[in-house]
Structures are given as C-alpha cells and as structure tokens.
C-alpha cells in the first residue's frame, strides 16, 4: 500500500482540537484546498483548510486593524509576519477552495489517511 504523503494526522488533530474547544462545530462549514496533482484514482487530497469565508473576512479585518498605526497609515511594525503570510496565502488559494462541513472533512481525512472506512 502506498504511504499517504499528506499531513492528514496533523489536519485531523488540528480540527479535532478546534471541535473539542468549541471553536468549530461538526456542522460548521470550512473551506478546503485540494492538491491539483491528485493522489490515486483521481482523488484530490485535502492539503489545507480555512475557516468559512465570513470568518476569514473577519480575520482579515482584524489583521488590517493591527497594521494601522496611530495616524491611520498601514504599517507592518505591529503585525505578526506569520499572520500576514497566512492571509496572503488565503487570497492566493481562494479561487481553488471548496466548502465542506467539518464532519465531512474529518471523515475524508480519516478514511483516506488510514484506509479505514468509518461507519
């Protein structure tokens, strides 16, 4: 059996933690990015996820607020470079994102990551 090269365990753990903390619910919708090259049998693995569009817009607004200094000019002085990079990557990925429920994403990650079907 070909070993899955994708970071499914990490994605599962991340989503499970957010569900456990109540930050996400199983029926909440999130956006997923799939590998365009595919894996096998035309399956396109999930390689990244983002919050729903509305939540990402809120995150972007918060990020923009932190970029403004007292004079209202944009500055990177007070911003976290990783947050900026994440938001820029989201903008790049946006055209290729699809929407799924958290429970569906977790099921897919589990089944394709382990090769075991959930009941």
N, C-alpha and C. Protein backbone atom coordinates (compact mmCIF):
# COMPACT_ATOMS: atom_id res chain seq x y z
N UNK A 1 0.84 -1.18 0.00
CA UNK A 1 0.00 0.00 0.00
C UNK A 1 0.88 1.24 0.00
N UNK A 2 0.58 2.19 -0.87
CA UNK A 2 1.34 3.42 -0.97
C UNK A 2 1.10 4.28 0.27
N UNK A 3 2.17 4.72 0.89
CA UNK A 3 2.04 5.55 2.08
C UNK A 3 1.51 6.93 1.69
N UNK A 4 0.58 7.43 2.48
CA UNK A 4 0.00 8.73 2.21
C UNK A 4 1.00 9.83 2.57
N UNK A 5 1.42 10.64 1.60
CA UNK A 5 2.43 11.66 1.87
C UNK A 5 1.85 12.94 2.46
N UNK A 6 0.56 13.00 2.61
CA UNK A 6 -0.07 14.23 3.08
C UNK A 6 -0.12 14.27 4.60
N UNK A 7 -0.30 15.44 5.15
CA UNK A 7 -0.26 15.66 6.60
C UNK A 7 -1.63 15.49 7.24
N UNK A 8 -2.28 14.39 6.94
CA UNK A 8 -3.64 14.16 7.42
C UNK A 8 -3.71 14.09 8.94
N UNK A 9 -2.77 13.45 9.57
CA UNK A 9 -2.82 13.36 11.04
C UNK A 9 -2.80 14.75 11.67
N UNK A 10 -1.96 15.61 11.14
CA UNK A 10 -1.87 16.98 11.65
C UNK A 10 -3.19 17.73 11.44
N UNK A 11 -3.78 17.59 10.26
CA UNK A 11 -5.05 18.26 9.97
C UNK A 11 -6.17 17.72 10.86
N UNK A 12 -6.21 16.40 11.03
CA UNK A 12 -7.22 15.78 11.90
C UNK A 12 -7.08 16.30 13.33
N UNK A 13 -5.86 16.31 13.83
CA UNK A 13 -5.61 16.77 15.19
C UNK A 13 -6.03 18.23 15.36
N UNK A 14 -5.66 19.06 14.39
CA UNK A 14 -6.00 20.48 14.45
C UNK A 14 -7.51 20.69 14.47
N UNK A 15 -8.23 20.03 13.57
CA UNK A 15 -9.68 20.18 13.52
C UNK A 15 -10.35 19.59 14.76
N UNK A 16 -9.88 18.43 15.22
CA UNK A 16 -10.44 17.82 16.43
C UNK A 16 -10.26 18.73 17.64
N UNK A 17 -9.09 19.36 17.75
CA UNK A 17 -8.84 20.29 18.86
C UNK A 17 -9.82 21.47 18.82
N UNK A 18 -10.06 22.01 17.62
CA UNK A 18 -10.98 23.14 17.49
C UNK A 18 -12.42 22.72 17.81
N UNK A 19 -12.79 21.50 17.44
CA UNK A 19 -14.12 20.99 17.78
C UNK A 19 -14.22 20.77 19.28
N UNK A 20 -13.19 20.18 19.88
CA UNK A 20 -13.19 19.93 21.32
C UNK A 20 -13.29 21.23 22.12
N UNK A 21 -12.64 22.28 21.63
CA UNK A 21 -12.66 23.58 22.31
C UNK A 21 -13.94 24.36 22.05
N UNK A 22 -14.76 23.89 21.11
CA UNK A 22 -15.99 24.59 20.76
C UNK A 22 -15.79 25.71 19.76
N UNK A 23 -14.56 25.83 19.23
CA UNK A 23 -14.30 26.87 18.24
C UNK A 23 -14.93 26.53 16.88
N UNK A 24 -15.10 25.24 16.63
CA UNK A 24 -15.79 24.75 15.44
C UNK A 24 -16.77 23.68 15.87
N UNK A 25 -17.87 23.58 15.16
CA UNK A 25 -18.85 22.52 15.39
C UNK A 25 -18.81 21.56 14.20
N UNK A 26 -19.17 20.30 14.39
CA UNK A 26 -19.14 19.35 13.28
C UNK A 26 -19.94 19.79 12.06
N UNK A 27 -21.02 20.55 12.26
CA UNK A 27 -21.84 21.00 11.14
C UNK A 27 -21.40 22.34 10.56
N UNK A 28 -20.39 22.96 11.16
CA UNK A 28 -19.87 24.21 10.60
C UNK A 28 -19.22 23.94 9.25
N UNK A 29 -19.28 24.94 8.39
CA UNK A 29 -18.64 24.82 7.09
C UNK A 29 -17.27 25.48 7.12
N UNK A 30 -16.31 24.83 6.49
CA UNK A 30 -14.97 25.36 6.32
C UNK A 30 -14.61 25.25 4.84
N UNK A 31 -13.53 25.86 4.47
CA UNK A 31 -13.07 25.81 3.08
C UNK A 31 -11.84 24.91 3.02
N UNK A 32 -11.77 24.08 1.99
CA UNK A 32 -10.63 23.18 1.83
C UNK A 32 -9.93 23.44 0.51
N UNK A 33 -8.63 23.23 0.53
CA UNK A 33 -7.80 23.31 -0.66
C UNK A 33 -7.33 21.90 -0.97
N UNK A 34 -7.47 21.51 -2.22
CA UNK A 34 -7.06 20.17 -2.64
C UNK A 34 -5.82 20.23 -3.52
N UNK A 35 -5.03 19.18 -3.47
CA UNK A 35 -3.86 19.04 -4.31
C UNK A 35 -4.32 18.84 -5.75
N UNK A 36 -3.86 19.70 -6.65
CA UNK A 36 -4.31 19.61 -8.04
C UNK A 36 -3.72 18.42 -8.77
N UNK A 37 -2.61 17.89 -8.27
CA UNK A 37 -1.97 16.78 -8.96
C UNK A 37 -2.65 15.44 -8.69
N UNK A 38 -3.49 15.40 -7.67
CA UNK A 38 -4.17 14.14 -7.36
C UNK A 38 -3.26 13.16 -6.66
N UNK A 39 -3.82 12.09 -6.22
CA UNK A 39 -3.07 11.09 -5.47
C UNK A 39 -3.19 9.74 -6.15
N UNK A 40 -4.39 9.20 -6.18
CA UNK A 40 -4.66 7.95 -6.89
C UNK A 40 -6.15 7.88 -7.17
N UNK A 41 -6.49 7.19 -8.23
CA UNK A 41 -7.90 7.05 -8.61
C UNK A 41 -8.60 8.40 -8.74
N UNK A 42 -7.88 9.39 -9.25
CA UNK A 42 -8.41 10.74 -9.45
C UNK A 42 -8.84 11.42 -8.15
N UNK A 43 -8.43 10.89 -7.01
CA UNK A 43 -8.72 11.54 -5.73
C UNK A 43 -7.77 12.72 -5.56
N UNK A 44 -8.32 13.87 -5.20
CA UNK A 44 -7.52 15.06 -4.94
C UNK A 44 -7.48 15.30 -3.45
N UNK A 45 -6.37 14.99 -2.80
CA UNK A 45 -6.26 15.10 -1.34
C UNK A 45 -6.42 16.53 -0.83
N UNK A 46 -6.96 16.62 0.37
CA UNK A 46 -7.04 17.90 1.07
C UNK A 46 -5.65 18.22 1.58
N UNK A 47 -5.17 19.41 1.26
CA UNK A 47 -3.83 19.80 1.71
C UNK A 47 -3.85 20.97 2.69
N UNK A 48 -4.99 21.66 2.78
CA UNK A 48 -5.10 22.79 3.70
C UNK A 48 -6.58 23.09 3.93
N UNK A 49 -6.87 23.79 5.00
CA UNK A 49 -8.23 24.21 5.27
C UNK A 49 -8.20 25.63 5.81
N UNK A 50 -9.32 26.31 5.63
CA UNK A 50 -9.51 27.65 6.16
C UNK A 50 -10.91 27.73 6.76
N UNK A 51 -11.10 28.69 7.64
CA UNK A 51 -12.44 28.95 8.17
C UNK A 51 -13.35 29.36 7.02
N UNK A 52 -14.65 29.44 7.29
CA UNK A 52 -15.59 29.87 6.25
C UNK A 52 -15.23 31.28 5.78
N UNK A 53 -15.76 31.64 4.64
CA UNK A 53 -15.44 32.94 4.03
C UNK A 53 -15.69 34.12 4.96
N UNK A 54 -16.82 34.10 5.66
CA UNK A 54 -17.16 35.20 6.55
C UNK A 54 -16.14 35.32 7.69
N UNK A 55 -15.75 34.20 8.27
CA UNK A 55 -14.75 34.22 9.35
C UNK A 55 -13.40 34.69 8.83
N UNK A 56 -13.05 34.27 7.62
CA UNK A 56 -11.77 34.72 7.04
C UNK A 56 -11.81 36.23 6.80
N UNK A 57 -12.95 36.77 6.41
CA UNK A 57 -13.09 38.21 6.22
C UNK A 57 -12.91 38.94 7.56
N UNK A 58 -13.48 38.38 8.64
CA UNK A 58 -13.31 38.97 9.96
C UNK A 58 -11.84 38.94 10.39
N UNK A 59 -11.17 37.83 10.12
CA UNK A 59 -9.75 37.71 10.46
C UNK A 59 -8.95 38.75 9.68
N UNK A 60 -9.29 38.93 8.40
CA UNK A 60 -8.59 39.93 7.58
C UNK A 60 -8.82 41.33 8.12
N UNK A 61 -10.05 41.63 8.53
CA UNK A 61 -10.34 42.95 9.11
C UNK A 61 -9.51 43.19 10.37
N UNK A 62 -9.44 42.18 11.23
CA UNK A 62 -8.64 42.30 12.46
C UNK A 62 -7.17 42.51 12.13
N UNK A 63 -6.68 41.78 11.13
CA UNK A 63 -5.29 41.92 10.73
C UNK A 63 -5.02 43.32 10.19
N UNK A 64 -5.93 43.83 9.38
CA UNK A 64 -5.76 45.18 8.84
C UNK A 64 -5.75 46.23 9.95
N UNK A 65 -6.58 46.03 10.98
CA UNK A 65 -6.59 46.96 12.11
C UNK A 65 -5.25 46.97 12.81
N UNK A 66 -4.61 45.81 12.95
CA UNK A 66 -3.31 45.77 13.61
C UNK A 66 -2.21 46.37 12.75
N UNK A 67 -2.45 46.47 11.45
CA UNK A 67 -1.45 47.06 10.55
C UNK A 67 -1.46 48.58 10.58
N UNK A 68 -2.54 49.18 11.08
CA UNK A 68 -2.63 50.63 11.08
C UNK A 68 -1.96 51.20 12.32
N UNK A 69 -1.16 52.24 12.10
CA UNK A 69 -0.58 52.89 13.25
C UNK A 69 -1.50 54.03 13.68
N UNK A 70 -1.09 54.84 14.61
CA UNK A 70 -1.95 55.89 15.17
C UNK A 70 -2.41 56.90 14.13
N UNK A 71 -1.63 57.11 13.10
CA UNK A 71 -2.01 58.07 12.06
C UNK A 71 -2.90 57.44 10.99
N UNK A 72 -3.24 56.16 11.12
CA UNK A 72 -4.09 55.51 10.16
C UNK A 72 -3.35 55.00 8.94
N UNK A 73 -2.04 55.10 8.95
CA UNK A 73 -1.26 54.60 7.82
C UNK A 73 -0.95 53.13 8.05
N UNK A 74 -0.96 52.38 6.97
CA UNK A 74 -0.65 50.95 7.08
C UNK A 74 0.82 50.78 7.43
N UNK A 75 1.08 49.90 8.36
CA UNK A 75 2.46 49.59 8.76
C UNK A 75 2.54 48.13 9.15
N UNK A 76 3.66 47.55 8.91
CA UNK A 76 3.86 46.15 9.30
C UNK A 76 4.55 46.03 10.65
N UNK A 77 4.81 47.18 11.26
CA UNK A 77 5.57 47.20 12.51
C UNK A 77 4.92 46.39 13.63
N UNK A 78 3.60 46.43 13.72
CA UNK A 78 2.90 45.78 14.84
C UNK A 78 2.25 44.46 14.46
N UNK A 79 2.45 44.02 13.25
CA UNK A 79 1.77 42.81 12.78
C UNK A 79 2.66 41.59 12.89
N UNK A 80 2.03 40.47 13.07
CA UNK A 80 2.73 39.18 13.10
C UNK A 80 2.97 38.75 11.66
N UNK A 81 4.24 38.61 11.25
CA UNK A 81 4.54 38.24 9.86
C UNK A 81 3.89 36.93 9.43
N UNK A 82 3.74 35.99 10.36
CA UNK A 82 3.11 34.72 10.02
C UNK A 82 1.62 34.91 9.70
N UNK A 83 0.95 35.79 10.45
CA UNK A 83 -0.46 36.06 10.17
C UNK A 83 -0.62 36.72 8.81
N UNK A 84 0.28 37.62 8.47
CA UNK A 84 0.23 38.28 7.17
C UNK A 84 0.45 37.26 6.06
N UNK A 85 1.44 36.39 6.23
CA UNK A 85 1.72 35.37 5.23
C UNK A 85 0.53 34.43 5.07
N UNK A 86 -0.11 34.04 6.18
CA UNK A 86 -1.28 33.16 6.12
C UNK A 86 -2.42 33.82 5.35
N UNK A 87 -2.65 35.10 5.59
CA UNK A 87 -3.74 35.80 4.91
C UNK A 87 -3.42 35.95 3.42
N UNK A 88 -2.18 36.25 3.09
CA UNK A 88 -1.80 36.34 1.68
C UNK A 88 -1.97 34.99 0.98
N UNK A 89 -1.61 33.90 1.67
CA UNK A 89 -1.79 32.57 1.09
C UNK A 89 -3.26 32.27 0.88
N UNK A 90 -4.11 32.70 1.82
CA UNK A 90 -5.55 32.51 1.66
C UNK A 90 -6.05 33.21 0.40
N UNK A 91 -5.59 34.43 0.17
CA UNK A 91 -6.00 35.18 -1.02
C UNK A 91 -5.59 34.43 -2.28
N UNK A 92 -4.39 33.87 -2.27
CA UNK A 92 -3.91 33.10 -3.42
C UNK A 92 -4.75 31.85 -3.62
N UNK A 93 -5.09 31.17 -2.53
CA UNK A 93 -5.82 29.91 -2.60
C UNK A 93 -7.32 30.06 -2.88
N UNK A 94 -7.88 31.23 -2.63
CA UNK A 94 -9.33 31.44 -2.69
C UNK A 94 -10.00 30.87 -3.94
N UNK A 95 -9.47 31.08 -5.14
CA UNK A 95 -10.18 30.54 -6.32
C UNK A 95 -10.28 29.01 -6.35
N UNK A 96 -9.43 28.33 -5.62
CA UNK A 96 -9.39 26.86 -5.66
C UNK A 96 -10.04 26.21 -4.44
N UNK A 97 -10.68 26.98 -3.59
CA UNK A 97 -11.28 26.45 -2.37
C UNK A 97 -12.68 25.93 -2.62
N UNK A 98 -13.02 24.87 -1.89
CA UNK A 98 -14.39 24.36 -1.89
C UNK A 98 -14.87 24.31 -0.45
N UNK A 99 -16.18 24.33 -0.27
CA UNK A 99 -16.78 24.37 1.06
C UNK A 99 -17.26 22.99 1.46
N UNK A 100 -16.95 22.61 2.70
CA UNK A 100 -17.38 21.32 3.24
C UNK A 100 -17.69 21.50 4.72
N UNK A 101 -18.50 20.58 5.25
CA UNK A 101 -18.74 20.56 6.69
C UNK A 101 -17.52 19.96 7.39
N UNK A 102 -17.27 20.41 8.60
CA UNK A 102 -16.14 19.91 9.39
C UNK A 102 -16.21 18.40 9.52
N UNK A 103 -17.38 17.85 9.80
CA UNK A 103 -17.53 16.40 9.96
C UNK A 103 -17.16 15.65 8.68
N UNK A 104 -17.53 16.21 7.52
CA UNK A 104 -17.20 15.58 6.24
C UNK A 104 -15.70 15.60 6.00
N UNK A 105 -15.07 16.71 6.34
CA UNK A 105 -13.62 16.83 6.17
C UNK A 105 -12.91 15.82 7.06
N UNK A 106 -13.32 15.75 8.32
CA UNK A 106 -12.69 14.80 9.25
C UNK A 106 -12.86 13.36 8.77
N UNK A 107 -14.05 13.04 8.29
CA UNK A 107 -14.30 11.68 7.78
C UNK A 107 -13.37 11.39 6.60
N UNK A 108 -13.31 12.31 5.66
CA UNK A 108 -12.46 12.10 4.49
C UNK A 108 -10.99 11.96 4.87
N UNK A 109 -10.53 12.84 5.74
CA UNK A 109 -9.13 12.78 6.16
C UNK A 109 -8.83 11.44 6.83
N UNK A 110 -9.73 11.00 7.69
CA UNK A 110 -9.54 9.72 8.39
C UNK A 110 -9.51 8.56 7.40
N UNK A 111 -10.51 8.50 6.53
CA UNK A 111 -10.64 7.36 5.62
C UNK A 111 -9.49 7.31 4.61
N UNK A 112 -9.10 8.44 4.08
CA UNK A 112 -8.01 8.44 3.09
C UNK A 112 -6.64 8.38 3.76
N UNK A 113 -6.56 8.85 4.99
CA UNK A 113 -5.29 8.81 5.71
C UNK A 113 -4.96 7.44 6.28
N UNK A 114 -6.00 6.70 6.68
CA UNK A 114 -5.78 5.39 7.31
C UNK A 114 -6.18 4.24 6.41
N UNK A 115 -6.98 4.53 5.40
CA UNK A 115 -7.50 3.45 4.54
C UNK A 115 -8.63 2.69 5.18
N UNK A 116 -9.13 3.17 6.33
CA UNK A 116 -10.21 2.51 7.05
C UNK A 116 -11.47 3.34 6.92
N UNK A 117 -12.58 2.71 6.59
CA UNK A 117 -13.87 3.38 6.48
C UNK A 117 -14.47 3.57 7.87
N UNK A 118 -15.08 4.75 8.07
CA UNK A 118 -15.83 4.99 9.30
C UNK A 118 -17.26 4.53 9.08
N UNK A 119 -17.88 4.10 10.12
CA UNK A 119 -19.28 3.67 10.00
C UNK A 119 -20.21 4.82 10.17
